PDB file of all heavy atoms in Angstrom:
ATOM      1  N   LEU A   1       0.829  -1.205   0.000  1.00  0.00           N
ATOM      2  CA  LEU A   1       0.000   0.000   0.000  1.00  0.00           C
ATOM      3  C   LEU A   1       0.864   1.257   0.000  1.00  0.00           C
ATOM      4  O   LEU A   1       0.576   2.224  -0.718  1.00  0.00           O
ATOM      5  CB  LEU A   1      -0.923  -0.001   1.216  1.00  0.00           C
ATOM      6  CG  LEU A   1      -2.100  -0.969   1.163  1.00  0.00           C
ATOM      7  CD1 LEU A   1      -2.772  -1.077   2.521  1.00  0.00           C
ATOM      8  CD2 LEU A   1      -3.112  -0.515   0.111  1.00  0.00           C
ATOM      9  N   ILE A   2       1.911   1.250   0.791  1.00  0.00           N
ATOM     10  CA  ILE A   2       2.792   2.425   0.831  1.00  0.00           C
ATOM     11  C   ILE A   2       3.416   2.658  -0.537  1.00  0.00           C
ATOM     12  O   ILE A   2       3.453   3.796  -1.032  1.00  0.00           O
ATOM     13  CB  ILE A   2       3.884   2.236   1.896  1.00  0.00           C
ATOM     14  CG1 ILE A   2       3.270   2.253   3.298  1.00  0.00           C
ATOM     15  CG2 ILE A   2       4.940   3.338   1.778  1.00  0.00           C
ATOM     16  CD1 ILE A   2       4.215   1.801   4.387  1.00  0.00           C
ATOM     17  N   ARG A   3       3.891   1.591  -1.170  1.00  0.00           N
ATOM     18  CA  ARG A   3       4.507   1.743  -2.497  1.00  0.00           C
ATOM     19  C   ARG A   3       3.480   2.220  -3.529  1.00  0.00           C
ATOM     20  O   ARG A   3       3.808   2.997  -4.430  1.00  0.00           O
ATOM     21  CB  ARG A   3       5.137   0.422  -2.935  1.00  0.00           C
ATOM     22  CG  ARG A   3       6.335   0.006  -2.075  1.00  0.00           C
ATOM     23  CD  ARG A   3       7.074  -1.174  -2.681  1.00  0.00           C
ATOM     24  NE  ARG A   3       8.138  -1.668  -1.808  1.00  0.00           N
ATOM     25  CZ  ARG A   3       9.327  -1.091  -1.672  1.00  0.00           C
ATOM     26  NH1 ARG A   3       9.614  -0.006  -2.376  1.00  0.00           N
ATOM     27  NH2 ARG A   3      10.231  -1.611  -0.859  1.00  0.00           N
ATOM     28  N   THR A   4       2.237   1.775  -3.383  1.00  0.00           N
ATOM     29  CA  THR A   4       1.174   2.217  -4.296  1.00  0.00           C
ATOM     30  C   THR A   4       0.871   3.697  -4.102  1.00  0.00           C
ATOM     31  O   THR A   4       0.644   4.435  -5.072  1.00  0.00           O
ATOM     32  CB  THR A   4      -0.103   1.390  -4.052  1.00  0.00           C
ATOM     33  OG1 THR A   4       0.174   0.014  -4.300  1.00  0.00           O
ATOM     34  CG2 THR A   4      -1.229   1.851  -4.974  1.00  0.00           C
ATOM     35  N   PHE A   5       0.868   4.131  -2.850  1.00  0.00           N
ATOM     36  CA  PHE A   5       0.546   5.524  -2.542  1.00  0.00           C
ATOM     37  C   PHE A   5       1.641   6.500  -2.964  1.00  0.00           C
ATOM     38  O   PHE A   5       1.371   7.689  -3.186  1.00  0.00           O
ATOM     39  CB  PHE A   5       0.329   5.697  -1.037  1.00  0.00           C
ATOM     40  CG  PHE A   5      -1.066   5.392  -0.564  1.00  0.00           C
ATOM     41  CD1 PHE A   5      -1.283   4.952   0.734  1.00  0.00           C
ATOM     42  CD2 PHE A   5      -2.158   5.570  -1.392  1.00  0.00           C
ATOM     43  CE1 PHE A   5      -2.566   4.682   1.197  1.00  0.00           C
ATOM     44  CE2 PHE A   5      -3.446   5.301  -0.955  1.00  0.00           C
ATOM     45  CZ  PHE A   5      -3.647   4.859   0.341  1.00  0.00           C
ATOM     46  N   THR A   6       2.876   6.030  -3.069  1.00  0.00           N
ATOM     47  CA  THR A   6       4.038   6.913  -3.176  1.00  0.00           C
ATOM     48  C   THR A   6       3.880   8.018  -4.216  1.00  0.00           C
ATOM     49  O   THR A   6       4.192   9.186  -3.955  1.00  0.00           O
ATOM     50  CB  THR A   6       5.309   6.086  -3.482  1.00  0.00           C
ATOM     51  OG1 THR A   6       5.567   5.225  -2.373  1.00  0.00           O
ATOM     52  CG2 THR A   6       6.502   6.984  -3.711  1.00  0.00           C
ATOM     53  N   LYS A   7       3.378   7.689  -5.394  1.00  0.00           N
ATOM     54  CA  LYS A   7       3.273   8.682  -6.473  1.00  0.00           C
ATOM     55  C   LYS A   7       1.931   9.409  -6.477  1.00  0.00           C
ATOM     56  O   LYS A   7       1.720  10.303  -7.293  1.00  0.00           O
ATOM     57  CB  LYS A   7       3.483   7.999  -7.835  1.00  0.00           C
ATOM     58  CG  LYS A   7       4.814   7.277  -7.984  1.00  0.00           C
ATOM     59  CD  LYS A   7       5.997   8.228  -7.797  1.00  0.00           C
ATOM     60  CE  LYS A   7       7.320   7.493  -7.999  1.00  0.00           C
ATOM     61  NZ  LYS A   7       8.483   8.376  -7.734  1.00  0.00           N
ATOM     62  N   GLN A   8       1.042   9.031  -5.576  1.00  0.00           N
ATOM     63  CA  GLN A   8      -0.309   9.587  -5.610  1.00  0.00           C
ATOM     64  C   GLN A   8      -0.597  10.565  -4.481  1.00  0.00           C
ATOM     65  O   GLN A   8      -1.629  11.231  -4.494  1.00  0.00           O
ATOM     66  CB  GLN A   8      -1.336   8.451  -5.546  1.00  0.00           C
ATOM     67  CG  GLN A   8      -1.190   7.421  -6.652  1.00  0.00           C
ATOM     68  CD  GLN A   8      -2.201   6.313  -6.516  1.00  0.00           C
ATOM     69  OE1 GLN A   8      -3.390   6.547  -6.286  1.00  0.00           O
ATOM     70  NE2 GLN A   8      -1.759   5.074  -6.648  1.00  0.00           N
ATOM     71  N   VAL A   9       0.292  10.636  -3.493  1.00  0.00           N
ATOM     72  CA  VAL A   9       0.026  11.466  -2.322  1.00  0.00           C
ATOM     73  C   VAL A   9       1.260  12.291  -1.973  1.00  0.00           C
ATOM     74  O   VAL A   9       2.371  12.010  -2.424  1.00  0.00           O
ATOM     75  CB  VAL A   9      -0.378  10.598  -1.102  1.00  0.00           C
ATOM     76  CG1 VAL A   9      -1.642   9.801  -1.399  1.00  0.00           C
ATOM     77  CG2 VAL A   9       0.757   9.674  -0.678  1.00  0.00           C
ATOM     78  N   ASP A  10       1.040  13.314  -1.147  1.00  0.00           N
ATOM     79  CA  ASP A  10       2.140  14.145  -0.670  1.00  0.00           C
ATOM     80  C   ASP A  10       2.751  13.605   0.616  1.00  0.00           C
ATOM     81  O   ASP A  10       3.805  14.090   1.049  1.00  0.00           O
ATOM     82  CB  ASP A  10       1.659  15.581  -0.435  1.00  0.00           C
ATOM     83  CG  ASP A  10       1.172  16.238  -1.717  1.00  0.00           C
ATOM     84  OD1 ASP A  10       1.716  15.906  -2.786  1.00  0.00           O
ATOM     85  OD2 ASP A  10       0.253  17.072  -1.649  1.00  0.00           O
ATOM     86  N   GLY A  11       2.093  12.648   1.224  1.00  0.00           N
ATOM     87  CA  GLY A  11       2.604  12.056   2.457  1.00  0.00           C
ATOM     88  C   GLY A  11       1.666  10.979   2.948  1.00  0.00           C
ATOM     89  O   GLY A  11       0.530  10.863   2.479  1.00  0.00           O
ATOM     90  N   VAL A  12       2.142  10.196   3.905  1.00  0.00           N
ATOM     91  CA  VAL A  12       1.376   9.064   4.432  1.00  0.00           C
ATOM     92  C   VAL A  12       1.317   9.141   5.953  1.00  0.00           C
ATOM     93  O   VAL A  12       2.342   9.357   6.610  1.00  0.00           O
ATOM     94  CB  VAL A  12       2.002   7.723   4.002  1.00  0.00           C
ATOM     95  CG1 VAL A  12       1.299   6.553   4.690  1.00  0.00           C
ATOM     96  CG2 VAL A  12       1.928   7.552   2.489  1.00  0.00           C
ATOM     97  N   LEU A  13       0.117   8.947   6.500  1.00  0.00           N
ATOM     98  CA  LEU A  13      -0.075   8.752   7.931  1.00  0.00           C
ATOM     99  C   LEU A  13      -0.127   7.246   8.163  1.00  0.00           C
ATOM    100  O   LEU A  13      -1.018   6.568   7.650  1.00  0.00           O
ATOM    101  CB  LEU A  13      -1.377   9.405   8.407  1.00  0.00           C
ATOM    102  CG  LEU A  13      -1.611  10.864   7.981  1.00  0.00           C
ATOM    103  CD1 LEU A  13      -2.954  11.340   8.496  1.00  0.00           C
ATOM    104  CD2 LEU A  13      -0.478  11.747   8.479  1.00  0.00           C
ATOM    105  N   LEU A  14       0.812   6.733   8.917  1.00  0.00           N
ATOM    106  CA  LEU A  14       0.946   5.297   9.123  1.00  0.00           C
ATOM    107  C   LEU A  14       0.566   4.980  10.563  1.00  0.00           C
ATOM    108  O   LEU A  14       1.306   5.299  11.499  1.00  0.00           O
ATOM    109  CB  LEU A  14       2.391   4.881   8.830  1.00  0.00           C
ATOM    110  CG  LEU A  14       2.700   3.414   8.613  1.00  0.00           C
ATOM    111  CD1 LEU A  14       1.837   2.829   7.510  1.00  0.00           C
ATOM    112  CD2 LEU A  14       4.181   3.242   8.288  1.00  0.00           C
ATOM    113  N   CYS A  15      -0.602   4.356  10.742  1.00  0.00           N
ATOM    114  CA  CYS A  15      -1.167   4.167  12.082  1.00  0.00           C
ATOM    115  C   CYS A  15      -0.975   2.730  12.570  1.00  0.00           C
ATOM    116  O   CYS A  15      -1.426   1.792  11.904  1.00  0.00           O
ATOM    117  CB  CYS A  15      -2.652   4.511  12.079  1.00  0.00           C
ATOM    118  SG  CYS A  15      -2.989   6.189  11.534  1.00  0.00           S
ATOM    119  N   SER A  16      -0.308   2.590  13.717  1.00  0.00           N
ATOM    120  CA  SER A  16      -0.033   1.273  14.306  1.00  0.00           C
ATOM    121  C   SER A  16       0.584   0.328  13.277  1.00  0.00           C
ATOM    122  O   SER A  16       0.048  -0.750  13.003  1.00  0.00           O
ATOM    123  CB  SER A  16      -1.314   0.667  14.890  1.00  0.00           C
ATOM    124  OG  SER A  16      -1.843   1.488  15.904  1.00  0.00           O
ATOM    125  N   PRO A  17       1.712   0.711  12.690  1.00  0.00           N
ATOM    126  CA  PRO A  17       2.308  -0.111  11.629  1.00  0.00           C
ATOM    127  C   PRO A  17       2.828  -1.441  12.161  1.00  0.00           C
ATOM    128  O   PRO A  17       3.194  -1.572  13.329  1.00  0.00           O
ATOM    129  CB  PRO A  17       3.461   0.758  11.122  1.00  0.00           C
ATOM    130  CG  PRO A  17       3.801   1.648  12.269  1.00  0.00           C
ATOM    131  CD  PRO A  17       2.513   1.919  12.970  1.00  0.00           C
ATOM    132  N   ARG A  18       2.866  -2.430  11.262  1.00  0.00           N
ATOM    133  CA  ARG A  18       3.409  -3.752  11.594  1.00  0.00           C
ATOM    134  C   ARG A  18       4.749  -4.007  10.917  1.00  0.00           C
ATOM    135  O   ARG A  18       5.405  -5.001  11.203  1.00  0.00           O
ATOM    136  CB  ARG A  18       2.400  -4.840  11.188  1.00  0.00           C
ATOM    137  CG  ARG A  18       1.028  -4.692  11.820  1.00  0.00           C
ATOM    138  CD  ARG A  18       1.080  -4.707  13.324  1.00  0.00           C
ATOM    139  NE  ARG A  18      -0.229  -4.559  13.934  1.00  0.00           N
ATOM    140  CZ  ARG A  18      -0.477  -3.790  14.979  1.00  0.00           C
ATOM    141  NH1 ARG A  18       0.500  -3.082  15.527  1.00  0.00           N
ATOM    142  NH2 ARG A  18      -1.683  -3.723  15.487  1.00  0.00           N
ATOM    143  N   LEU A  19       5.165  -3.120  10.019  1.00  0.00           N
ATOM    144  CA  LEU A  19       6.471  -3.244   9.392  1.00  0.00           C
ATOM    145  C   LEU A  19       7.585  -2.970  10.399  1.00  0.00           C
ATOM    146  O   LEU A  19       7.377  -2.292  11.413  1.00  0.00           O
ATOM    147  CB  LEU A  19       6.600  -2.260   8.228  1.00  0.00           C
ATOM    148  CG  LEU A  19       5.833  -2.592   6.954  1.00  0.00           C
ATOM    149  CD1 LEU A  19       5.829  -1.386   6.018  1.00  0.00           C
ATOM    150  CD2 LEU A  19       6.437  -3.800   6.254  1.00  0.00           C
ATOM    151  N   SER A  20       8.782  -3.433  10.106  1.00  0.00           N
ATOM    152  CA  SER A  20       9.939  -3.131  10.955  1.00  0.00           C
ATOM    153  C   SER A  20      10.327  -1.666  10.793  1.00  0.00           C
ATOM    154  O   SER A  20      10.027  -1.026   9.763  1.00  0.00           O
ATOM    155  CB  SER A  20      11.116  -4.016  10.560  1.00  0.00           C
ATOM    156  OG  SER A  20      11.591  -3.655   9.266  1.00  0.00           O
ATOM    157  N   ASN A  21      11.005  -1.124  11.802  1.00  0.00           N
ATOM    158  CA  ASN A  21      11.497   0.252  11.715  1.00  0.00           C
ATOM    159  C   ASN A  21      12.394   0.441  10.493  1.00  0.00           C
ATOM    160  O   ASN A  21      12.325   1.460   9.797  1.00  0.00           O
ATOM    161  CB  ASN A  21      12.277   0.617  12.986  1.00  0.00           C
ATOM    162  CG  ASN A  21      11.381   0.851  14.180  1.00  0.00           C
ATOM    163  OD1 ASN A  21      10.163   0.662  14.100  1.00  0.00           O
ATOM    164  ND2 ASN A  21      11.968   1.266  15.278  1.00  0.00           N
ATOM    165  N   ARG A  22      13.249  -0.550  10.231  1.00  0.00           N
ATOM    166  CA  ARG A  22      14.182  -0.436   9.105  1.00  0.00           C
ATOM    167  C   ARG A  22      13.436  -0.316   7.774  1.00  0.00           C
ATOM    168  O   ARG A  22      13.801   0.507   6.920  1.00  0.00           O
ATOM    169  CB  ARG A  22      15.114  -1.656   9.079  1.00  0.00           C
ATOM    170  CG  ARG A  22      16.125  -1.619   7.946  1.00  0.00           C
ATOM    171  CD  ARG A  22      17.082  -2.789   8.036  1.00  0.00           C
ATOM    172  NE  ARG A  22      17.894  -2.701   9.255  1.00  0.00           N
ATOM    173  CZ  ARG A  22      18.831  -3.598   9.586  1.00  0.00           C
ATOM    174  NH1 ARG A  22      19.055  -4.634   8.787  1.00  0.00           N
ATOM    175  NH2 ARG A  22      19.524  -3.447  10.685  1.00  0.00           N
ATOM    176  N   MET A  23      12.373  -1.109   7.599  1.00  0.00           N
ATOM    177  CA  MET A  23      11.623  -1.040   6.350  1.00  0.00           C
ATOM    178  C   MET A  23      10.885   0.294   6.234  1.00  0.00           C
ATOM    179  O   MET A  23      10.830   0.898   5.152  1.00  0.00           O
ATOM    180  CB  MET A  23      10.628  -2.204   6.266  1.00  0.00           C
ATOM    181  CG  MET A  23       9.773  -2.183   4.999  1.00  0.00           C
ATOM    182  SD  MET A  23      10.748  -2.145   3.448  1.00  0.00           S
ATOM    183  CE  MET A  23      11.343  -3.826   3.407  1.00  0.00           C
ATOM    184  N   ILE A  24      10.335   0.780   7.325  1.00  0.00           N
ATOM    185  CA  ILE A  24       9.642   2.072   7.293  1.00  0.00           C
ATOM    186  C   ILE A  24      10.625   3.178   6.938  1.00  0.00           C
ATOM    187  O   ILE A  24      10.320   4.070   6.125  1.00  0.00           O
ATOM    188  CB  ILE A  24       8.953   2.348   8.639  1.00  0.00           C
ATOM    189  CG1 ILE A  24       7.802   1.360   8.861  1.00  0.00           C
ATOM    190  CG2 ILE A  24       8.410   3.782   8.692  1.00  0.00           C
ATOM    191  CD1 ILE A  24       7.172   1.425  10.233  1.00  0.00           C
ATOM    192  N   GLU A  25      11.811   3.143   7.512  1.00  0.00           N
ATOM    193  CA  GLU A  25      12.833   4.147   7.191  1.00  0.00           C
ATOM    194  C   GLU A  25      13.201   4.093   5.714  1.00  0.00           C
ATOM    195  O   GLU A  25      13.396   5.133   5.071  1.00  0.00           O
ATOM    196  CB  GLU A  25      14.073   3.913   8.060  1.00  0.00           C
ATOM    197  CG  GLU A  25      13.863   4.264   9.521  1.00  0.00           C
ATOM    198  CD  GLU A  25      14.988   3.761  10.411  1.00  0.00           C
ATOM    199  OE1 GLU A  25      15.769   2.893   9.956  1.00  0.00           O
ATOM    200  OE2 GLU A  25      15.074   4.229  11.555  1.00  0.00           O
ATOM    201  N   ARG A  26      13.282   2.897   5.164  1.00  0.00           N
ATOM    202  CA  ARG A  26      13.622   2.747   3.746  1.00  0.00           C
ATOM    203  C   ARG A  26      12.513   3.325   2.865  1.00  0.00           C
ATOM    204  O   ARG A  26      12.765   4.047   1.896  1.00  0.00           O
ATOM    205  CB  ARG A  26      13.833   1.273   3.429  1.00  0.00           C
ATOM    206  CG  ARG A  26      14.376   0.987   2.031  1.00  0.00           C
ATOM    207  CD  ARG A  26      14.595  -0.496   1.846  1.00  0.00           C
ATOM    208  NE  ARG A  26      15.499  -1.034   2.865  1.00  0.00           N
ATOM    209  CZ  ARG A  26      15.632  -2.318   3.124  1.00  0.00           C
ATOM    210  NH1 ARG A  26      14.910  -3.214   2.459  1.00  0.00           N
ATOM    211  NH2 ARG A  26      16.482  -2.724   4.051  1.00  0.00           N
ATOM    212  N   LEU A  27      11.256   3.027   3.207  1.00  0.00           N
ATOM    213  CA  LEU A  27      10.130   3.520   2.421  1.00  0.00           C
ATOM    214  C   LEU A  27       9.976   5.028   2.547  1.00  0.00           C
ATOM    215  O   LEU A  27       9.495   5.696   1.624  1.00  0.00           O
ATOM    216  CB  LEU A  27       8.843   2.827   2.872  1.00  0.00           C
ATOM    217  CG  LEU A  27       8.764   1.323   2.566  1.00  0.00           C
ATOM    218  CD1 LEU A  27       7.604   0.682   3.322  1.00  0.00           C
ATOM    219  CD2 LEU A  27       8.608   1.091   1.071  1.00  0.00           C
ATOM    220  N   ALA A  28      10.402   5.582   3.679  1.00  0.00           N
ATOM    221  CA  ALA A  28      10.292   7.028   3.907  1.00  0.00           C
ATOM    222  C   ALA A  28      11.229   7.825   3.008  1.00  0.00           C
ATOM    223  O   ALA A  28      11.109   9.053   2.920  1.00  0.00           O
ATOM    224  CB  ALA A  28      10.576   7.351   5.364  1.00  0.00           C
ATOM    225  N   GLU A  29      12.149   7.142   2.330  1.00  0.00           N
ATOM    226  CA  GLU A  29      13.011   7.835   1.363  1.00  0.00           C
ATOM    227  C   GLU A  29      12.220   8.280   0.139  1.00  0.00           C
ATOM    228  O   GLU A  29      12.646   9.177  -0.591  1.00  0.00           O
ATOM    229  CB  GLU A  29      14.156   6.917   0.947  1.00  0.00           C
ATOM    230  CG  GLU A  29      15.106   6.559   2.083  1.00  0.00           C
ATOM    231  CD  GLU A  29      16.132   5.513   1.685  1.00  0.00           C
ATOM    232  OE1 GLU A  29      16.113   5.102   0.497  1.00  0.00           O
ATOM    233  OE2 GLU A  29      16.949   5.110   2.540  1.00  0.00           O
ATOM    234  N   ASP A  30      11.053   7.648  -0.093  1.00  0.00           N
ATOM    235  CA  ASP A  30      10.260   7.934  -1.286  1.00  0.00           C
ATOM    236  C   ASP A  30       9.037   8.807  -1.016  1.00  0.00           C
ATOM    237  O   ASP A  30       8.513   9.436  -1.938  1.00  0.00           O
ATOM    238  CB  ASP A  30       9.797   6.621  -1.926  1.00  0.00           C
ATOM    239  CG  ASP A  30      10.958   5.758  -2.374  1.00  0.00           C
ATOM    240  OD1 ASP A  30      11.953   6.319  -2.878  1.00  0.00           O
ATOM    241  OD2 ASP A  30      10.878   4.532  -2.207  1.00  0.00           O
ATOM    242  N   VAL A  31       8.557   8.821   0.237  1.00  0.00           N
ATOM    243  CA  VAL A  31       7.372   9.607   0.560  1.00  0.00           C
ATOM    244  C   VAL A  31       7.439   9.984   2.036  1.00  0.00           C
ATOM    245  O   VAL A  31       7.855   9.169   2.874  1.00  0.00           O
ATOM    246  CB  VAL A  31       6.077   8.805   0.249  1.00  0.00           C
ATOM    247  CG1 VAL A  31       5.965   7.558   1.103  1.00  0.00           C
ATOM    248  CG2 VAL A  31       4.838   9.676   0.388  1.00  0.00           C
ATOM    249  N   PRO A  32       7.056  11.234   2.401  1.00  0.00           N
ATOM    250  CA  PRO A  32       7.083  11.634   3.817  1.00  0.00           C
ATOM    251  C   PRO A  32       6.077  10.828   4.644  1.00  0.00           C
ATOM    252  O   PRO A  32       4.987  10.511   4.177  1.00  0.00           O
ATOM    253  CB  PRO A  32       6.693  13.117   3.777  1.00  0.00           C
ATOM    254  CG  PRO A  32       6.983  13.560   2.383  1.00  0.00           C
ATOM    255  CD  PRO A  32       6.715  12.368   1.514  1.00  0.00           C
ATOM    256  N   PHE A  33       6.468  10.519   5.862  1.00  0.00           N
ATOM    257  CA  PHE A  33       5.614   9.786   6.789  1.00  0.00           C
ATOM    258  C   PHE A  33       5.372  10.597   8.054  1.00  0.00           C
ATOM    259  O   PHE A  33       6.244  11.346   8.501  1.00  0.00           O
ATOM    260  CB  PHE A  33       6.290   8.481   7.257  1.00  0.00           C
ATOM    261  CG  PHE A  33       6.197   7.336   6.316  1.00  0.00           C
ATOM    262  CD1 PHE A  33       7.294   6.518   6.093  1.00  0.00           C
ATOM    263  CD2 PHE A  33       5.024   7.039   5.655  1.00  0.00           C
ATOM    264  CE1 PHE A  33       7.231   5.445   5.234  1.00  0.00           C
ATOM    265  CE2 PHE A  33       4.947   5.968   4.790  1.00  0.00           C
ATOM    266  CZ  PHE A  33       6.052   5.177   4.583  1.00  0.00           C
ATOM    267  N   VAL A  34       4.202  10.388   8.657  1.00  0.00           N
ATOM    268  CA  VAL A  34       4.014  10.616  10.083  1.00  0.00           C
ATOM    269  C   VAL A  34       3.514   9.297  10.638  1.00  0.00           C
ATOM    270  O   VAL A  34       2.570   8.706  10.106  1.00  0.00           O
ATOM    271  CB  VAL A  34       3.001  11.745  10.377  1.00  0.00           C
ATOM    272  CG1 VAL A  34       2.638  11.754  11.866  1.00  0.00           C
ATOM    273  CG2 VAL A  34       3.572  13.090   9.970  1.00  0.00           C
ATOM    274  N   VAL A  35       4.167   8.810  11.676  1.00  0.00           N
ATOM    275  CA  VAL A  35       3.821   7.517  12.254  1.00  0.00           C
ATOM    276  C   VAL A  35       3.010   7.745  13.520  1.00  0.00           C
ATOM    277  O   VAL A  35       3.365   8.572  14.356  1.00  0.00           O
ATOM    278  CB  VAL A  35       5.090   6.701  12.568  1.00  0.00           C
ATOM    279  CG1 VAL A  35       4.721   5.314  13.059  1.00  0.00           C
ATOM    280  CG2 VAL A  35       5.968   6.600  11.329  1.00  0.00           C
ATOM    281  N   VAL A  36       1.906   7.024  13.635  1.00  0.00           N
ATOM    282  CA  VAL A  36       1.062   7.104  14.829  1.00  0.00           C
ATOM    283  C   VAL A  36       1.282   5.831  15.651  1.00  0.00           C
ATOM    284  O   VAL A  36       1.092   4.719  15.167  1.00  0.00           O
ATOM    285  CB  VAL A  36      -0.428   7.245  14.457  1.00  0.00           C
ATOM    286  CG1 VAL A  36      -1.297   7.287  15.720  1.00  0.00           C
ATOM    287  CG2 VAL A  36      -0.651   8.517  13.631  1.00  0.00           C
ATOM    288  N   ASN A  37       1.679   6.042  16.901  1.00  0.00           N
ATOM    289  CA  ASN A  37       1.943   4.939  17.846  1.00  0.00           C
ATOM    290  C   ASN A  37       3.090   4.036  17.414  1.00  0.00           C
ATOM    291  O   ASN A  37       2.992   2.813  17.450  1.00  0.00           O
ATOM    292  CB  ASN A  37       0.677   4.124  18.135  1.00  0.00           C
ATOM    293  CG  ASN A  37       0.089   4.535  19.483  1.00  0.00           C
ATOM    294  OD1 ASN A  37       0.448   5.576  20.026  1.00  0.00           O
ATOM    295  ND2 ASN A  37      -0.785   3.720  20.018  1.00  0.00           N
ATOM    296  N   ARG A  38       4.183   4.662  17.050  1.00  0.00           N
ATOM    297  CA  ARG A  38       5.464   3.978  16.844  1.00  0.00           C
ATOM    298  C   ARG A  38       6.550   5.054  16.918  1.00  0.00           C
ATOM    299  O   ARG A  38       6.446   6.079  16.226  1.00  0.00           O
ATOM    300  CB  ARG A  38       5.511   3.275  15.494  1.00  0.00           C
ATOM    301  CG  ARG A  38       6.883   2.692  15.139  1.00  0.00           C
ATOM    302  CD  ARG A  38       7.189   1.386  15.840  1.00  0.00           C
ATOM    303  NE  ARG A  38       6.408   0.296  15.286  1.00  0.00           N
ATOM    304  CZ  ARG A  38       6.766  -0.408  14.205  1.00  0.00           C
ATOM    305  NH1 ARG A  38       7.887  -0.146  13.575  1.00  0.00           N
ATOM    306  NH2 ARG A  38       5.989  -1.388  13.777  1.00  0.00           N
ATOM    307  N   ARG A  39       7.546   4.809  17.715  1.00  0.00           N
ATOM    308  CA  ARG A  39       8.659   5.755  17.803  1.00  0.00           C
ATOM    309  C   ARG A  39       9.796   5.269  16.904  1.00  0.00           C
ATOM    310  O   ARG A  39      10.331   4.176  17.102  1.00  0.00           O
ATOM    311  CB  ARG A  39       9.153   5.871  19.247  1.00  0.00           C
ATOM    312  CG  ARG A  39      10.156   7.009  19.470  1.00  0.00           C
ATOM    313  CD  ARG A  39      10.773   6.914  20.853  1.00  0.00           C
ATOM    314  NE  ARG A  39       9.783   7.037  21.901  1.00  0.00           N
ATOM    315  CZ  ARG A  39       9.356   8.193  22.403  1.00  0.00           C
ATOM    316  NH1 ARG A  39       9.835   9.322  21.930  1.00  0.00           N
ATOM    317  NH2 ARG A  39       8.457   8.211  23.371  1.00  0.00           N
ATOM    318  N   ILE A  40      10.135   6.087  15.895  1.00  0.00           N
ATOM    319  CA  ILE A  40      11.241   5.776  14.994  1.00  0.00           C
ATOM    320  C   ILE A  40      12.144   7.002  14.940  1.00  0.00           C
ATOM    321  O   ILE A  40      11.690   8.099  14.611  1.00  0.00           O
ATOM    322  CB  ILE A  40      10.729   5.424  13.578  1.00  0.00           C
ATOM    323  CG1 ILE A  40       9.772   4.227  13.635  1.00  0.00           C
ATOM    324  CG2 ILE A  40      11.896   5.122  12.648  1.00  0.00           C
ATOM    325  CD1 ILE A  40       9.143   3.874  12.307  1.00  0.00           C
ATOM    326  N   LYS A  41      13.387   6.824  15.280  1.00  0.00           N
ATOM    327  CA  LYS A  41      14.321   7.940  15.394  1.00  0.00           C
ATOM    328  C   LYS A  41      14.343   8.774  14.115  1.00  0.00           C
ATOM    329  O   LYS A  41      14.495   8.247  13.012  1.00  0.00           O
ATOM    330  CB  LYS A  41      15.723   7.415  15.702  1.00  0.00           C
ATOM    331  CG  LYS A  41      16.731   8.524  15.991  1.00  0.00           C
ATOM    332  CD  LYS A  41      18.078   7.952  16.383  1.00  0.00           C
ATOM    333  CE  LYS A  41      19.081   9.067  16.666  1.00  0.00           C
ATOM    334  NZ  LYS A  41      20.413   8.514  17.042  1.00  0.00           N
ATOM    335  N   GLY A  42      14.170  10.095  14.291  1.00  0.00           N
ATOM    336  CA  GLY A  42      14.240  11.016  13.165  1.00  0.00           C
ATOM    337  C   GLY A  42      12.979  11.138  12.352  1.00  0.00           C
ATOM    338  O   GLY A  42      12.948  11.891  11.376  1.00  0.00           O
ATOM    339  N   MET A  43      11.917  10.416  12.711  1.00  0.00           N
ATOM    340  CA  MET A  43      10.675  10.441  11.930  1.00  0.00           C
ATOM    341  C   MET A  43       9.555  11.094  12.737  1.00  0.00           C
ATOM    342  O   MET A  43       9.386  10.788  13.920  1.00  0.00           O
ATOM    343  CB  MET A  43      10.276   9.015  11.531  1.00  0.00           C
ATOM    344  CG  MET A  43       9.163   8.959  10.496  1.00  0.00           C
ATOM    345  SD  MET A  43       8.954   7.269   9.851  1.00  0.00           S
ATOM    346  CE  MET A  43      10.528   7.055   9.007  1.00  0.00           C
ATOM    347  N   PRO A  44       8.782  12.007  12.132  1.00  0.00           N
ATOM    348  CA  PRO A  44       7.672  12.626  12.853  1.00  0.00           C
ATOM    349  C   PRO A  44       6.704  11.570  13.366  1.00  0.00           C
ATOM    350  O   PRO A  44       6.386  10.601  12.659  1.00  0.00           O
ATOM    351  CB  PRO A  44       6.998  13.507  11.795  1.00  0.00           C
ATOM    352  CG  PRO A  44       8.025  13.729  10.749  1.00  0.00           C
ATOM    353  CD  PRO A  44       8.876  12.500  10.738  1.00  0.00           C
TER     354      PRO A  44
END
């Protein structure tokens, strides 16, 4: 879903994600994120 959204949105709100922090950081290189209920260093 994140990869599908990348070219269609200006950013993604990711709520209670199940992906690893490393994968979220990698995907955040392509689209801005705000994560809800997950602490990831350097990410809103």
